[in-house]
Amino acid sequence: QLCNLGAYFMMILFIFRNKKWAQKFFDFSFIANVPGAFIAIIVVDVPEGMFSYWGVHYCLEHTWVFILPLLFFTFGVYSFPREKAMKHFFIGFTIYFVCCAVLGVLFNCFLYQEGSFFFNRVNYFYMFSDLILQAFPFMAFSFRPETSIVWGGYAFHPFYMVAIYLAFILICYVAQIMNEKFFEVAK
């Protein structure tokens, strides 16, 4: 998912920090990773519990993904995302989200096998479960049969997916404005 990719992105960004494209990639990573990982830390999604192996892994992974972009900026590895940074974020996140939506539909519709260790259902970016409905019950209309698409015996919910996409863009936009204000005050 995005946070797992975010950890790899940080490693790639550190290795290729002198490349021309790296600042644009950092802009995307900074704007997506910091608020995304913060939300993931607050809304823990580990069925085994916080103190299980996967719970500890979840918390450590998201903490690194939250802290590393801030450290890169703080220690001057990259400059603070400015001006065109939202464009870079929007392009990167759109590519990511479309890939997750397409792969999630394909995996859930055609590769899922009941009880299989390797072919479980996927829930990229919470698009394929009703977890977010617990916090936003007004989105329940998107799970009605008339607003859902059934393919390969699996129902997916396009309105719900678009709502998640737009909500995350809005969250990241607001977070970037807050980061810019904080950056100006810190100067």
C-alpha atoms as a PDB file:
ATOM      1  CA  GLN A   1       0.000   0.000   0.000  1.00  0.00           C
ATOM      2  CA  LEU A   2       1.004   3.634  -0.043  1.00  0.00           C
ATOM      3  CA  CYS A   3       2.844   3.531   3.276  1.00  0.00           C
ATOM      4  CA  ASN A   4       4.805   0.433   2.302  1.00  0.00           C
ATOM      5  CA  LEU A   5       5.710   2.112  -0.972  1.00  0.00           C
ATOM      6  CA  GLY A   6       6.498   5.268   0.991  1.00  0.00           C
ATOM      7  CA  ALA A   7       9.248   3.468   2.901  1.00  0.00           C
ATOM      8  CA  TYR A   8      10.807   2.315  -0.383  1.00  0.00           C
ATOM      9  CA  PHE A   9      10.347   5.783  -1.871  1.00  0.00           C
ATOM     10  CA  MET A  10      12.365   7.295   0.975  1.00  0.00           C
ATOM     11  CA  MET A  11      15.217   4.853   0.373  1.00  0.00           C
ATOM     12  CA  ILE A  12      15.151   5.575  -3.374  1.00  0.00           C
ATOM     13  CA  LEU A  13      15.030   9.310  -2.708  1.00  0.00           C
ATOM     14  CA  PHE A  14      18.018   9.135  -0.407  1.00  0.00           C
ATOM     15  CA  ILE A  15      20.073   7.139  -2.906  1.00  0.00           C
ATOM     16  CA  PHE A  16      19.191   9.370  -5.877  1.00  0.00           C
ATOM     17  CA  ARG A  17      19.041  12.690  -3.999  1.00  0.00           C
ATOM     18  CA  ASN A  18      21.201  14.499  -6.589  1.00  0.00           C
ATOM     19  CA  LYS A  19      19.041  13.610  -9.586  1.00  0.00           C
ATOM     20  CA  LYS A  20      16.930  16.282 -11.294  1.00  0.00           C
ATOM     21  CA  TRP A  21      13.657  14.355 -10.878  1.00  0.00           C
ATOM     22  CA  ALA A  22      14.206  13.588  -7.201  1.00  0.00           C
ATOM     23  CA  GLN A  23      12.743  16.851  -5.827  1.00  0.00           C
ATOM     24  CA  LYS A  24       9.479  16.256  -7.711  1.00  0.00           C
ATOM     25  CA  PHE A  25       9.323  12.721  -6.364  1.00  0.00           C
ATOM     26  CA  PHE A  26      10.057  14.037  -2.867  1.00  0.00           C
ATOM     27  CA  ASP A  27       7.217  16.570  -3.224  1.00  0.00           C
ATOM     28  CA  PHE A  28       4.792  13.728  -3.889  1.00  0.00           C
ATOM     29  CA  SER A  29       6.216  11.594  -1.084  1.00  0.00           C
ATOM     30  CA  PHE A  30       6.227  14.413   1.454  1.00  0.00           C
ATOM     31  CA  ILE A  31       2.684  15.563   0.720  1.00  0.00           C
ATOM     32  CA  ALA A  32       1.242  12.023   0.601  1.00  0.00           C
ATOM     33  CA  ASN A  33       3.287  10.267   3.288  1.00  0.00           C
ATOM     34  CA  VAL A  34       3.144  12.703   6.179  1.00  0.00           C
ATOM     35  CA  PRO A  35      -0.659  13.082   6.467  1.00  0.00           C
ATOM     36  CA  GLY A  36      -1.321   9.539   5.196  1.00  0.00           C
ATOM     37  CA  ALA A  37       0.966   7.901   7.752  1.00  0.00           C
ATOM     38  CA  PHE A  38      -0.368  10.181  10.493  1.00  0.00           C
ATOM     39  CA  ILE A  39      -3.927   9.052   9.724  1.00  0.00           C
ATOM     40  CA  ALA A  40      -2.788   5.405   9.645  1.00  0.00           C
ATOM     41  CA  ILE A  41      -1.113   5.752  13.049  1.00  0.00           C
ATOM     42  CA  ILE A  42      -4.287   7.208  14.547  1.00  0.00           C
ATOM     43  CA  VAL A  43      -6.669   4.737  12.844  1.00  0.00           C
ATOM     44  CA  VAL A  44      -4.852   1.455  13.381  1.00  0.00           C
ATOM     45  CA  ASP A  45      -6.182  -1.350  11.180  1.00  0.00           C
ATOM     46  CA  VAL A  46      -4.641  -4.518  12.619  1.00  0.00           C
ATOM     47  CA  PRO A  47      -7.156  -7.256  13.482  1.00  0.00           C
ATOM     48  CA  GLU A  48      -4.604  -9.105  15.646  1.00  0.00           C
ATOM     49  CA  GLY A  49      -4.243  -6.123  18.013  1.00  0.00           C
ATOM     50  CA  MET A  50      -1.690  -3.374  18.652  1.00  0.00           C
ATOM     51  CA  PHE A  51       0.747  -5.534  20.591  1.00  0.00           C
ATOM     52  CA  SER A  52       0.826  -8.431  18.156  1.00  0.00           C
ATOM     53  CA  TYR A  53       3.736  -8.878  15.756  1.00  0.00           C
ATOM     54  CA  TRP A  54       1.765  -7.251  12.924  1.00  0.00           C
ATOM     55  CA  GLY A  55       0.535  -4.466  15.207  1.00  0.00           C
ATOM     56  CA  VAL A  56       4.081  -3.499  16.178  1.00  0.00           C
ATOM     57  CA  HIS A  57       5.203  -3.784  12.533  1.00  0.00           C
ATOM     58  CA  TYR A  58       2.287  -1.574  11.475  1.00  0.00           C
ATOM     59  CA  CYS A  59       3.164   1.139  13.999  1.00  0.00           C
ATOM     60  CA  LEU A  60       6.894   1.102  13.228  1.00  0.00           C
ATOM     61  CA  GLU A  61       6.348   1.159   9.456  1.00  0.00           C
ATOM     62  CA  HIS A  62       3.979   4.109   9.617  1.00  0.00           C
ATOM     63  CA  THR A  63       6.137   5.984  12.104  1.00  0.00           C
ATOM     64  CA  TRP A  64       9.120   5.759   9.738  1.00  0.00           C
ATOM     65  CA  VAL A  65       7.020   6.813   6.782  1.00  0.00           C
ATOM     66  CA  PHE A  66       5.806   9.805   8.816  1.00  0.00           C
ATOM     67  CA  ILE A  67       9.216  10.840  10.176  1.00  0.00           C
ATOM     68  CA  LEU A  68      11.598  10.285   7.228  1.00  0.00           C
ATOM     69  CA  PRO A  69      10.195  12.975   4.901  1.00  0.00           C
ATOM     70  CA  LEU A  70      10.338  15.435   7.800  1.00  0.00           C
ATOM     71  CA  LEU A  71      13.942  14.465   8.538  1.00  0.00           C
ATOM     72  CA  PHE A  72      14.950  14.773   4.872  1.00  0.00           C
ATOM     73  CA  PHE A  73      13.560  18.283   4.812  1.00  0.00           C
ATOM     74  CA  THR A  74      14.942  19.229   8.252  1.00  0.00           C
ATOM     75  CA  PHE A  75      18.496  18.111   7.475  1.00  0.00           C
ATOM     76  CA  GLY A  76      18.542  19.658   4.013  1.00  0.00           C
ATOM     77  CA  VAL A  77      18.533  16.476   1.955  1.00  0.00           C
ATOM     78  CA  TYR A  78      15.583  18.017   0.057  1.00  0.00           C
ATOM     79  CA  SER A  79      14.027  21.451   0.068  1.00  0.00           C
ATOM     80  CA  PHE A  80      10.557  22.082   1.379  1.00  0.00           C
ATOM     81  CA  PRO A  81       7.845  21.292  -1.211  1.00  0.00           C
ATOM     82  CA  ARG A  82       6.659  24.598  -2.690  1.00  0.00           C
ATOM     83  CA  GLU A  83       4.663  26.056  -5.583  1.00  0.00           C
ATOM     84  CA  LYS A  84       4.330  23.135  -8.026  1.00  0.00           C
ATOM     85  CA  ALA A  85       4.459  20.505  -5.277  1.00  0.00           C
ATOM     86  CA  MET A  86       0.695  19.924  -5.288  1.00  0.00           C
ATOM     87  CA  LYS A  87       0.854  19.236  -9.028  1.00  0.00           C
ATOM     88  CA  HIS A  88       3.522  16.593  -8.430  1.00  0.00           C
ATOM     89  CA  PHE A  89       1.463  15.108  -5.607  1.00  0.00           C
ATOM     90  CA  PHE A  90      -1.703  15.066  -7.707  1.00  0.00           C
ATOM     91  CA  ILE A  91      -0.010  13.298 -10.624  1.00  0.00           C
ATOM     92  CA  GLY A  92       1.738  10.743  -8.397  1.00  0.00           C
ATOM     93  CA  PHE A  93      -1.304  10.035  -6.252  1.00  0.00           C
ATOM     94  CA  THR A  94      -3.606   9.699  -9.246  1.00  0.00           C
ATOM     95  CA  ILE A  95      -1.277   7.125 -10.824  1.00  0.00           C
ATOM     96  CA  TYR A  96      -1.038   5.263  -7.512  1.00  0.00           C
ATOM     97  CA  PHE A  97      -4.782   5.332  -6.860  1.00  0.00           C
ATOM     98  CA  VAL A  98      -5.770   4.169 -10.345  1.00  0.00           C
ATOM     99  CA  CYS A  99      -3.252   1.289 -10.109  1.00  0.00           C
ATOM    100  CA  CYS A 100      -4.627   0.279  -6.702  1.00  0.00           C
ATOM    101  CA  ALA A 101      -8.221   0.443  -7.947  1.00  0.00           C
ATOM    102  CA  VAL A 102      -7.538  -1.626 -11.068  1.00  0.00           C
ATOM    103  CA  LEU A 103      -5.351  -4.189  -9.282  1.00  0.00           C
ATOM    104  CA  GLY A 104      -7.754  -4.410  -6.347  1.00  0.00           C
ATOM    105  CA  VAL A 105     -10.716  -5.104  -8.606  1.00  0.00           C
ATOM    106  CA  LEU A 106      -8.761  -7.718 -10.575  1.00  0.00           C
ATOM    107  CA  PHE A 107      -7.339  -9.430  -7.489  1.00  0.00           C
ATOM    108  CA  ASN A 108     -10.650  -9.477  -5.614  1.00  0.00           C
ATOM    109  CA  CYS A 109     -12.725 -10.531  -8.623  1.00  0.00           C
ATOM    110  CA  PHE A 110     -10.469 -13.152 -10.182  1.00  0.00           C
ATOM    111  CA  LEU A 111      -7.640 -14.250  -7.897  1.00  0.00           C
ATOM    112  CA  TYR A 112      -9.350 -14.493  -4.509  1.00  0.00           C
ATOM    113  CA  GLN A 113      -9.570 -18.047  -3.171  1.00  0.00           C
ATOM    114  CA  GLU A 114     -11.402 -18.790   0.058  1.00  0.00           C
ATOM    115  CA  GLY A 115      -8.948 -19.880   2.777  1.00  0.00           C
ATOM    116  CA  SER A 116      -5.850 -19.356   0.628  1.00  0.00           C
ATOM    117  CA  PHE A 117      -2.729 -17.919   2.239  1.00  0.00           C
ATOM    118  CA  PHE A 118      -1.601 -16.211  -0.974  1.00  0.00           C
ATOM    119  CA  PHE A 119      -4.884 -15.226  -2.615  1.00  0.00           C
ATOM    120  CA  ASN A 120      -6.736 -13.311   0.072  1.00  0.00           C
ATOM    121  CA  ARG A 121      -8.874 -10.270  -0.574  1.00  0.00           C
ATOM    122  CA  VAL A 122      -6.964  -7.040  -0.946  1.00  0.00           C
ATOM    123  CA  ASN A 123      -8.014  -3.708   0.531  1.00  0.00           C
ATOM    124  CA  TYR A 124      -5.706  -1.145  -1.019  1.00  0.00           C
ATOM    125  CA  PHE A 125      -6.254   2.284   0.473  1.00  0.00           C
ATOM    126  CA  TYR A 126      -9.421   1.025   2.214  1.00  0.00           C
ATOM    127  CA  MET A 127     -11.266   1.027  -1.139  1.00  0.00           C
ATOM    128  CA  PHE A 128     -12.532  -2.539  -0.827  1.00  0.00           C
ATOM    129  CA  SER A 129     -14.073  -2.651   2.638  1.00  0.00           C
ATOM    130  CA  ASP A 130     -16.637  -0.701   4.570  1.00  0.00           C
ATOM    131  CA  LEU A 131     -14.149   0.344   7.279  1.00  0.00           C
ATOM    132  CA  ILE A 132     -14.455   4.047   6.436  1.00  0.00           C
ATOM    133  CA  LEU A 133     -18.246   3.806   6.673  1.00  0.00           C
ATOM    134  CA  GLN A 134     -17.863   3.409  10.424  1.00  0.00           C
ATOM    135  CA  ALA A 135     -16.569   6.976  10.592  1.00  0.00           C
ATOM    136  CA  PHE A 136     -18.664   8.374   7.716  1.00  0.00           C
ATOM    137  CA  PRO A 137     -22.025   6.569   7.687  1.00  0.00           C
ATOM    138  CA  PHE A 138     -23.482   9.072   5.199  1.00  0.00           C
ATOM    139  CA  MET A 139     -21.437   7.248   2.509  1.00  0.00           C
ATOM    140  CA  ALA A 140     -23.591   4.124   2.959  1.00  0.00           C
ATOM    141  CA  PHE A 141     -25.518   5.002  -0.223  1.00  0.00           C
ATOM    142  CA  SER A 142     -22.418   4.014  -2.211  1.00  0.00           C
ATOM    143  CA  PHE A 143     -22.835   0.390  -1.065  1.00  0.00           C
ATOM    144  CA  ARG A 144     -26.370   0.025  -2.419  1.00  0.00           C
ATOM    145  CA  PRO A 145     -26.791  -2.456  -5.282  1.00  0.00           C
ATOM    146  CA  GLU A 146     -27.753   0.294  -7.738  1.00  0.00           C
ATOM    147  CA  THR A 147     -24.475   2.168  -7.098  1.00  0.00           C
ATOM    148  CA  SER A 148     -22.258  -0.936  -7.010  1.00  0.00           C
ATOM    149  CA  ILE A 149     -20.752  -2.996  -9.807  1.00  0.00           C
ATOM    150  CA  VAL A 150     -20.631  -6.789  -9.505  1.00  0.00           C
ATOM    151  CA  TRP A 151     -17.894  -8.518 -11.440  1.00  0.00           C
ATOM    152  CA  GLY A 152     -16.622 -12.043 -10.967  1.00  0.00           C
ATOM    153  CA  GLY A 153     -18.960 -12.489  -7.989  1.00  0.00           C
ATOM    154  CA  TYR A 154     -17.422  -9.512  -6.178  1.00  0.00           C
ATOM    155  CA  ALA A 155     -19.066  -6.108  -5.693  1.00  0.00           C
ATOM    156  CA  PHE A 156     -17.024  -2.944  -5.799  1.00  0.00           C
ATOM    157  CA  HIS A 157     -18.228   0.577  -5.217  1.00  0.00           C
ATOM    158  CA  PRO A 158     -17.079   3.319  -7.636  1.00  0.00           C
ATOM    159  CA  PHE A 159     -18.697   6.241  -5.757  1.00  0.00           C
ATOM    160  CA  TYR A 160     -17.003   5.118  -2.562  1.00  0.00           C
ATOM    161  CA  MET A 161     -13.653   4.856  -4.363  1.00  0.00           C
ATOM    162  CA  VAL A 162     -13.972   8.350  -5.827  1.00  0.00           C
ATOM    163  CA  ALA A 163     -14.972   9.730  -2.421  1.00  0.00           C
ATOM    164  CA  ILE A 164     -11.861   8.217  -0.828  1.00  0.00           C
ATOM    165  CA  TYR A 165      -9.705   9.642  -3.640  1.00  0.00           C
ATOM    166  CA  LEU A 166     -11.142  13.154  -3.279  1.00  0.00           C
ATOM    167  CA  ALA A 167     -11.051  13.067   0.520  1.00  0.00           C
ATOM    168  CA  PHE A 168      -7.377  12.107   0.605  1.00  0.00           C
ATOM    169  CA  ILE A 169      -6.495  14.844  -1.901  1.00  0.00           C
ATOM    170  CA  LEU A 170      -8.357  17.354   0.280  1.00  0.00           C
ATOM    171  CA  ILE A 171      -6.620  16.126   3.451  1.00  0.00           C
ATOM    172  CA  CYS A 172      -3.207  16.367   1.794  1.00  0.00           C
ATOM    173  CA  TYR A 173      -3.986  19.826   0.395  1.00  0.00           C
ATOM    174  CA  VAL A 174      -4.991  21.134   3.823  1.00  0.00           C
ATOM    175  CA  ALA A 175      -1.947  19.470   5.416  1.00  0.00           C
ATOM    176  CA  GLN A 176       0.339  21.098   2.827  1.00  0.00           C
ATOM    177  CA  ILE A 177      -1.151  24.543   3.536  1.00  0.00           C
ATOM    178  CA  MET A 178      -0.579  23.954   7.248  1.00  0.00           C
ATOM    179  CA  ASN A 179       2.991  22.791   6.557  1.00  0.00           C
ATOM    180  CA  GLU A 180       3.676  25.912   4.471  1.00  0.00           C
ATOM    181  CA  LYS A 181       2.362  28.164   7.270  1.00  0.00           C
ATOM    182  CA  PHE A 182       4.462  26.293   9.817  1.00  0.00           C
ATOM    183  CA  PHE A 183       7.493  26.587   7.533  1.00  0.00           C
ATOM    184  CA  GLU A 184       6.997  30.358   7.218  1.00  0.00           C
ATOM    185  CA  VAL A 185       6.693  30.758  11.001  1.00  0.00           C
ATOM    186  CA  ALA A 186       9.752  28.555  11.592  1.00  0.00           C
ATOM    187  CA  LYS A 187      11.849  30.671   9.208  1.00  0.00           C
END
